[in-house]
Amino acid sequence: MHDIEVINDPAAAEVTLDPIRAELLAALAEPGSATTLAAQIGLTRQKVNYHLRALETHGLVELVEERKKGNVVERVLQATAASYVISPTALSAVAPDPGRAPDQLSARWLLALAARLVREVGDLITGAAAAKKPLATFAIDSEIRFATAADRAAFAQELGDSVKTLVAKYHSETAPAGRDHRFVVGLHPKPKAAPPLVSPSGAPDHQKDSRARRA
């Protein structure tokens, strides 16, 4: 099972957007059968089987083993990945195009770049897996707290200058055996954590749940 899988097919994407099927995919991070899943999510085995067939048809779950119990063969399935991301390829007619309105200060342009990253890296992963070859990638994920907006602007300027210097140093326009690479740098505010839900009694829900368990 892969850590993450990119969904390119519109029909497969539609299947995963069904809440029950999404719940089944999450449950199938560990192998399970229609019988065990039915008890876990509170549906009949027949309904679970119906949804599992749809997931299997689109390659989102795969057969792990078959167990014979009397006259019945129990099929044990597992999700093909621990998590999934839907590629803009699944909505190709309306997929974002970073070349349409490039603007370094636009949050929507940053989103368009991220969408292209998902699409291209997803395609590369699929191709590398089919060819059974490794895929050379590199990523950095970091956080920084700026004291002022001026510091943020200065950081962006210095980062941009440093990137231009590095690109100029290593870019080889005429290398006959060279391969083009995509290089993307993004900076955005970190989303704030959602506040805890408050029950009518005035206490956060997690505290209310804790009291209920103790009772």
Protein backbone atom coordinates (compact mmCIF):
# COMPACT_ATOMS: atom_id res chain seq x y z
CA MET A 1 0.00 0.00 0.00
CA HIS A 2 1.34 3.43 -0.97
CA ASP A 3 1.41 6.39 1.43
CA ILE A 4 -0.43 8.59 -1.07
CA GLU A 5 -1.95 8.07 -4.50
CA VAL A 6 -3.03 10.64 -7.08
CA ILE A 7 -6.41 10.11 -8.75
CA ASN A 8 -6.48 11.24 -12.39
CA ASP A 9 -9.64 9.52 -13.61
CA PRO A 10 -12.84 11.60 -13.25
CA ALA A 11 -14.95 8.51 -12.58
CA ALA A 12 -12.58 7.33 -9.84
CA ALA A 13 -12.62 10.82 -8.33
CA GLU A 14 -16.42 10.76 -8.27
CA VAL A 15 -16.36 7.41 -6.48
CA THR A 16 -14.11 8.72 -3.70
CA LEU A 17 -16.34 11.76 -3.09
CA ASP A 18 -19.17 9.52 -1.87
CA PRO A 19 -19.03 9.79 1.96
CA ILE A 20 -19.64 6.08 2.56
CA ARG A 21 -16.97 5.03 0.07
CA ALA A 22 -14.52 7.53 1.53
CA GLU A 23 -15.19 6.02 4.96
CA LEU A 24 -14.60 2.54 3.56
CA LEU A 25 -11.30 3.64 2.01
CA ALA A 26 -10.18 5.02 5.38
CA ALA A 27 -11.19 1.80 7.13
CA LEU A 28 -9.33 -0.28 4.55
CA ALA A 29 -5.98 1.17 5.53
CA GLU A 30 -5.97 -2.24 7.21
CA PRO A 31 -7.27 -5.32 5.35
CA GLY A 32 -10.94 -6.04 5.87
CA SER A 33 -13.91 -7.89 4.44
CA ALA A 34 -17.48 -6.83 3.76
CA THR A 35 -18.51 -8.56 6.98
CA THR A 36 -16.00 -6.79 9.22
CA LEU A 37 -16.60 -3.44 7.52
CA ALA A 38 -20.38 -3.76 7.84
CA ALA A 39 -20.06 -4.08 11.61
CA GLN A 40 -17.55 -1.24 11.73
CA ILE A 41 -19.53 1.40 9.84
CA GLY A 42 -23.08 0.23 10.56
CA LEU A 43 -24.28 -0.94 7.14
CA THR A 44 -25.53 -4.25 5.85
CA ARG A 45 -22.96 -6.56 4.27
CA GLN A 46 -24.85 -6.34 0.97
CA LYS A 47 -24.56 -2.53 0.88
CA VAL A 48 -20.90 -2.67 1.82
CA ASN A 49 -20.28 -5.17 -0.97
CA TYR A 50 -21.97 -2.82 -3.44
CA HIS A 51 -19.67 0.06 -2.50
CA LEU A 52 -16.58 -2.17 -2.41
CA ARG A 53 -17.25 -3.33 -5.96
CA ALA A 54 -17.32 0.30 -7.12
CA LEU A 55 -14.03 1.03 -5.36
CA GLU A 56 -12.43 -2.11 -6.75
CA THR A 57 -13.63 -1.35 -10.30
CA HIS A 58 -11.68 1.92 -10.21
CA GLY A 59 -8.55 0.39 -8.68
CA LEU A 60 -8.93 2.08 -5.30
CA VAL A 61 -8.98 -1.18 -3.34
CA GLU A 62 -7.37 -4.50 -4.16
CA LEU A 63 -7.83 -8.12 -3.17
CA VAL A 64 -5.45 -9.29 -0.44
CA GLU A 65 -6.71 -12.81 0.07
CA GLU A 66 -9.77 -15.07 -0.07
CA ARG A 67 -10.87 -17.06 2.97
CA LYS A 68 -13.24 -19.98 2.68
CA LYS A 69 -15.77 -20.24 5.48
CA GLY A 70 -18.01 -23.22 4.88
CA ASN A 71 -19.71 -22.67 1.53
CA VAL A 72 -18.85 -18.96 1.51
CA VAL A 73 -15.68 -17.34 0.21
CA GLU A 74 -14.82 -14.18 2.15
CA ARG A 75 -12.85 -11.63 0.12
CA VAL A 76 -10.36 -9.56 2.12
CA LEU A 77 -9.54 -6.19 0.56
CA GLN A 78 -7.21 -3.30 1.28
CA ALA A 79 -7.00 0.28 0.00
CA THR A 80 -4.26 0.87 -2.55
CA ALA A 81 -3.05 3.89 -0.55
CA ALA A 82 -3.29 5.37 2.93
CA SER A 83 -4.50 8.66 1.46
CA TYR A 84 -5.58 10.09 -1.88
CA VAL A 85 -5.43 13.42 -3.68
CA ILE A 86 -7.51 14.28 -6.74
CA SER A 87 -5.45 15.66 -9.61
CA PRO A 88 -6.65 18.67 -11.63
CA THR A 89 -6.48 16.22 -14.55
CA ALA A 90 -9.80 14.86 -13.31
CA LEU A 91 -11.29 18.29 -14.10
CA SER A 92 -9.19 18.97 -17.18
CA ALA A 93 -11.66 21.38 -18.79
CA VAL A 94 -11.45 23.75 -15.82
CA ALA A 95 -7.99 22.90 -14.44
CA PRO A 96 -6.01 25.96 -13.30
CA ASP A 97 -3.29 27.20 -15.64
CA PRO A 98 -0.39 29.08 -13.96
CA GLY A 99 0.54 30.54 -17.33
CA ARG A 100 -2.78 32.37 -17.60
CA ALA A 101 -2.05 35.19 -15.16
CA PRO A 102 1.36 34.85 -13.48
CA ASP A 103 1.57 37.06 -10.40
CA GLN A 104 4.06 36.36 -7.61
CA LEU A 105 1.88 38.18 -5.08
CA SER A 106 -1.35 36.38 -5.97
CA ALA A 107 -2.62 33.65 -3.65
CA ARG A 108 -4.66 32.23 -6.51
CA TRP A 109 -1.57 31.98 -8.69
CA LEU A 110 0.17 30.11 -5.86
CA LEU A 111 -2.83 27.74 -5.81
CA ALA A 112 -2.56 27.27 -9.57
CA LEU A 113 1.12 26.38 -9.16
CA ALA A 114 0.23 23.87 -6.44
CA ALA A 115 -2.43 22.31 -8.68
CA ARG A 116 0.08 21.93 -11.50
CA LEU A 117 2.53 20.36 -9.04
CA VAL A 118 -0.07 17.75 -8.06
CA ARG A 119 -0.85 17.01 -11.71
CA GLU A 120 2.75 16.75 -12.92
CA VAL A 121 4.16 14.83 -9.96
CA GLY A 122 1.16 12.51 -10.01
CA ASP A 123 1.79 11.73 -13.69
CA LEU A 124 5.49 11.21 -12.99
CA ILE A 125 4.76 8.81 -10.12
CA THR A 126 2.44 6.80 -12.36
CA GLY A 127 5.05 6.64 -15.13
CA ALA A 128 7.89 5.76 -12.77
CA ALA A 129 5.83 2.99 -11.17
CA ALA A 130 4.97 1.52 -14.58
CA ALA A 131 8.63 1.63 -15.64
CA LYS A 132 9.76 0.38 -12.21
CA LYS A 133 12.25 3.22 -11.98
CA PRO A 134 12.98 5.65 -9.12
CA LEU A 135 11.79 9.24 -9.42
CA ALA A 136 14.24 12.00 -8.46
CA THR A 137 12.46 14.70 -6.44
CA PHE A 138 13.37 17.05 -3.61
CA ALA A 139 11.19 19.05 -1.21
CA ILE A 140 11.54 21.35 1.77
CA ASP A 141 8.77 22.08 4.26
CA SER A 142 9.50 24.78 6.82
CA GLU A 143 7.86 27.46 8.94
CA ILE A 144 8.99 31.01 9.68
CA ARG A 145 7.48 33.75 11.86
CA PHE A 146 8.03 37.31 10.63
CA ALA A 147 8.08 40.14 13.15
CA THR A 148 6.79 42.64 10.59
CA ALA A 149 5.41 42.81 7.06
CA ALA A 150 8.62 44.60 6.09
CA ASP A 151 10.64 41.59 7.24
CA ARG A 152 8.43 39.33 5.15
CA ALA A 153 8.95 41.48 2.07
CA ALA A 154 12.71 41.58 2.66
CA PHE A 155 12.79 37.81 3.03
CA ALA A 156 10.88 37.34 -0.23
CA GLN A 157 13.24 39.67 -2.05
CA GLU A 158 16.36 37.95 -0.69
CA LEU A 159 14.94 34.50 -1.40
CA GLY A 160 14.10 35.50 -4.96
CA ASP A 161 17.58 36.88 -5.54
CA SER A 162 19.18 33.72 -4.11
CA VAL A 163 17.05 31.50 -6.32
CA LYS A 164 17.95 33.51 -9.43
CA THR A 165 21.64 33.14 -8.57
CA LEU A 166 21.35 29.38 -8.09
CA VAL A 167 19.33 28.92 -11.29
CA ALA A 168 21.86 30.93 -13.28
CA LYS A 169 24.69 28.87 -11.80
CA TYR A 170 23.28 25.42 -12.56
CA HIS A 171 20.98 25.91 -15.56
CA SER A 172 22.46 24.46 -18.76
CA GLU A 173 20.49 25.49 -21.81
CA THR A 174 22.39 23.36 -24.32
CA ALA A 175 23.33 20.21 -22.34
CA PRO A 176 22.53 17.36 -24.78
CA ALA A 177 21.81 14.82 -22.04
CA GLY A 178 20.18 17.29 -19.67
CA ARG A 179 16.63 17.09 -18.39
CA ASP A 180 14.39 20.03 -17.54
CA HIS A 181 13.13 20.22 -13.97
CA ARG A 182 10.30 22.24 -12.44
CA PHE A 183 11.31 24.40 -9.46
CA VAL A 184 8.59 26.00 -7.33
CA VAL A 185 8.93 28.08 -4.17
CA GLY A 186 5.87 29.16 -2.21
CA LEU A 187 5.25 31.28 0.87
CA HIS A 188 1.88 31.74 2.56
CA PRO A 189 0.46 32.43 6.03
CA LYS A 190 -0.10 29.31 8.12
CA PRO A 191 -3.85 28.76 8.65
CA LYS A 192 -4.97 29.27 12.24
CA ALA A 193 -6.19 26.25 14.18
CA ALA A 194 -9.96 26.08 14.48
CA PRO A 195 -11.21 26.92 18.00
CA PRO A 196 -12.77 24.02 19.96
CA LEU A 197 -16.52 23.58 19.55
CA VAL A 198 -18.45 24.84 22.57
CA SER A 199 -21.52 22.97 23.80
CA PRO A 200 -24.64 24.79 25.07
CA SER A 201 -23.36 24.23 28.62
CA GLY A 202 -20.42 26.52 27.85
CA ALA A 203 -17.72 23.86 28.05
CA PRO A 204 -15.69 22.77 25.01
CA ASP A 205 -17.02 19.55 23.52
CA HIS A 206 -13.80 17.61 24.25
CA GLN A 207 -14.19 18.47 27.98
CA LYS A 208 -17.86 17.44 27.88
CA ASP A 209 -16.87 14.11 26.28
CA SER A 210 -14.18 13.56 28.92
CA ARG A 211 -16.70 14.10 31.75
CA ALA A 212 -19.13 11.71 30.07
CA ARG A 213 -16.46 8.98 29.88
CA ARG A 214 -15.57 9.42 33.55
CA ALA A 215 -19.26 9.17 34.48
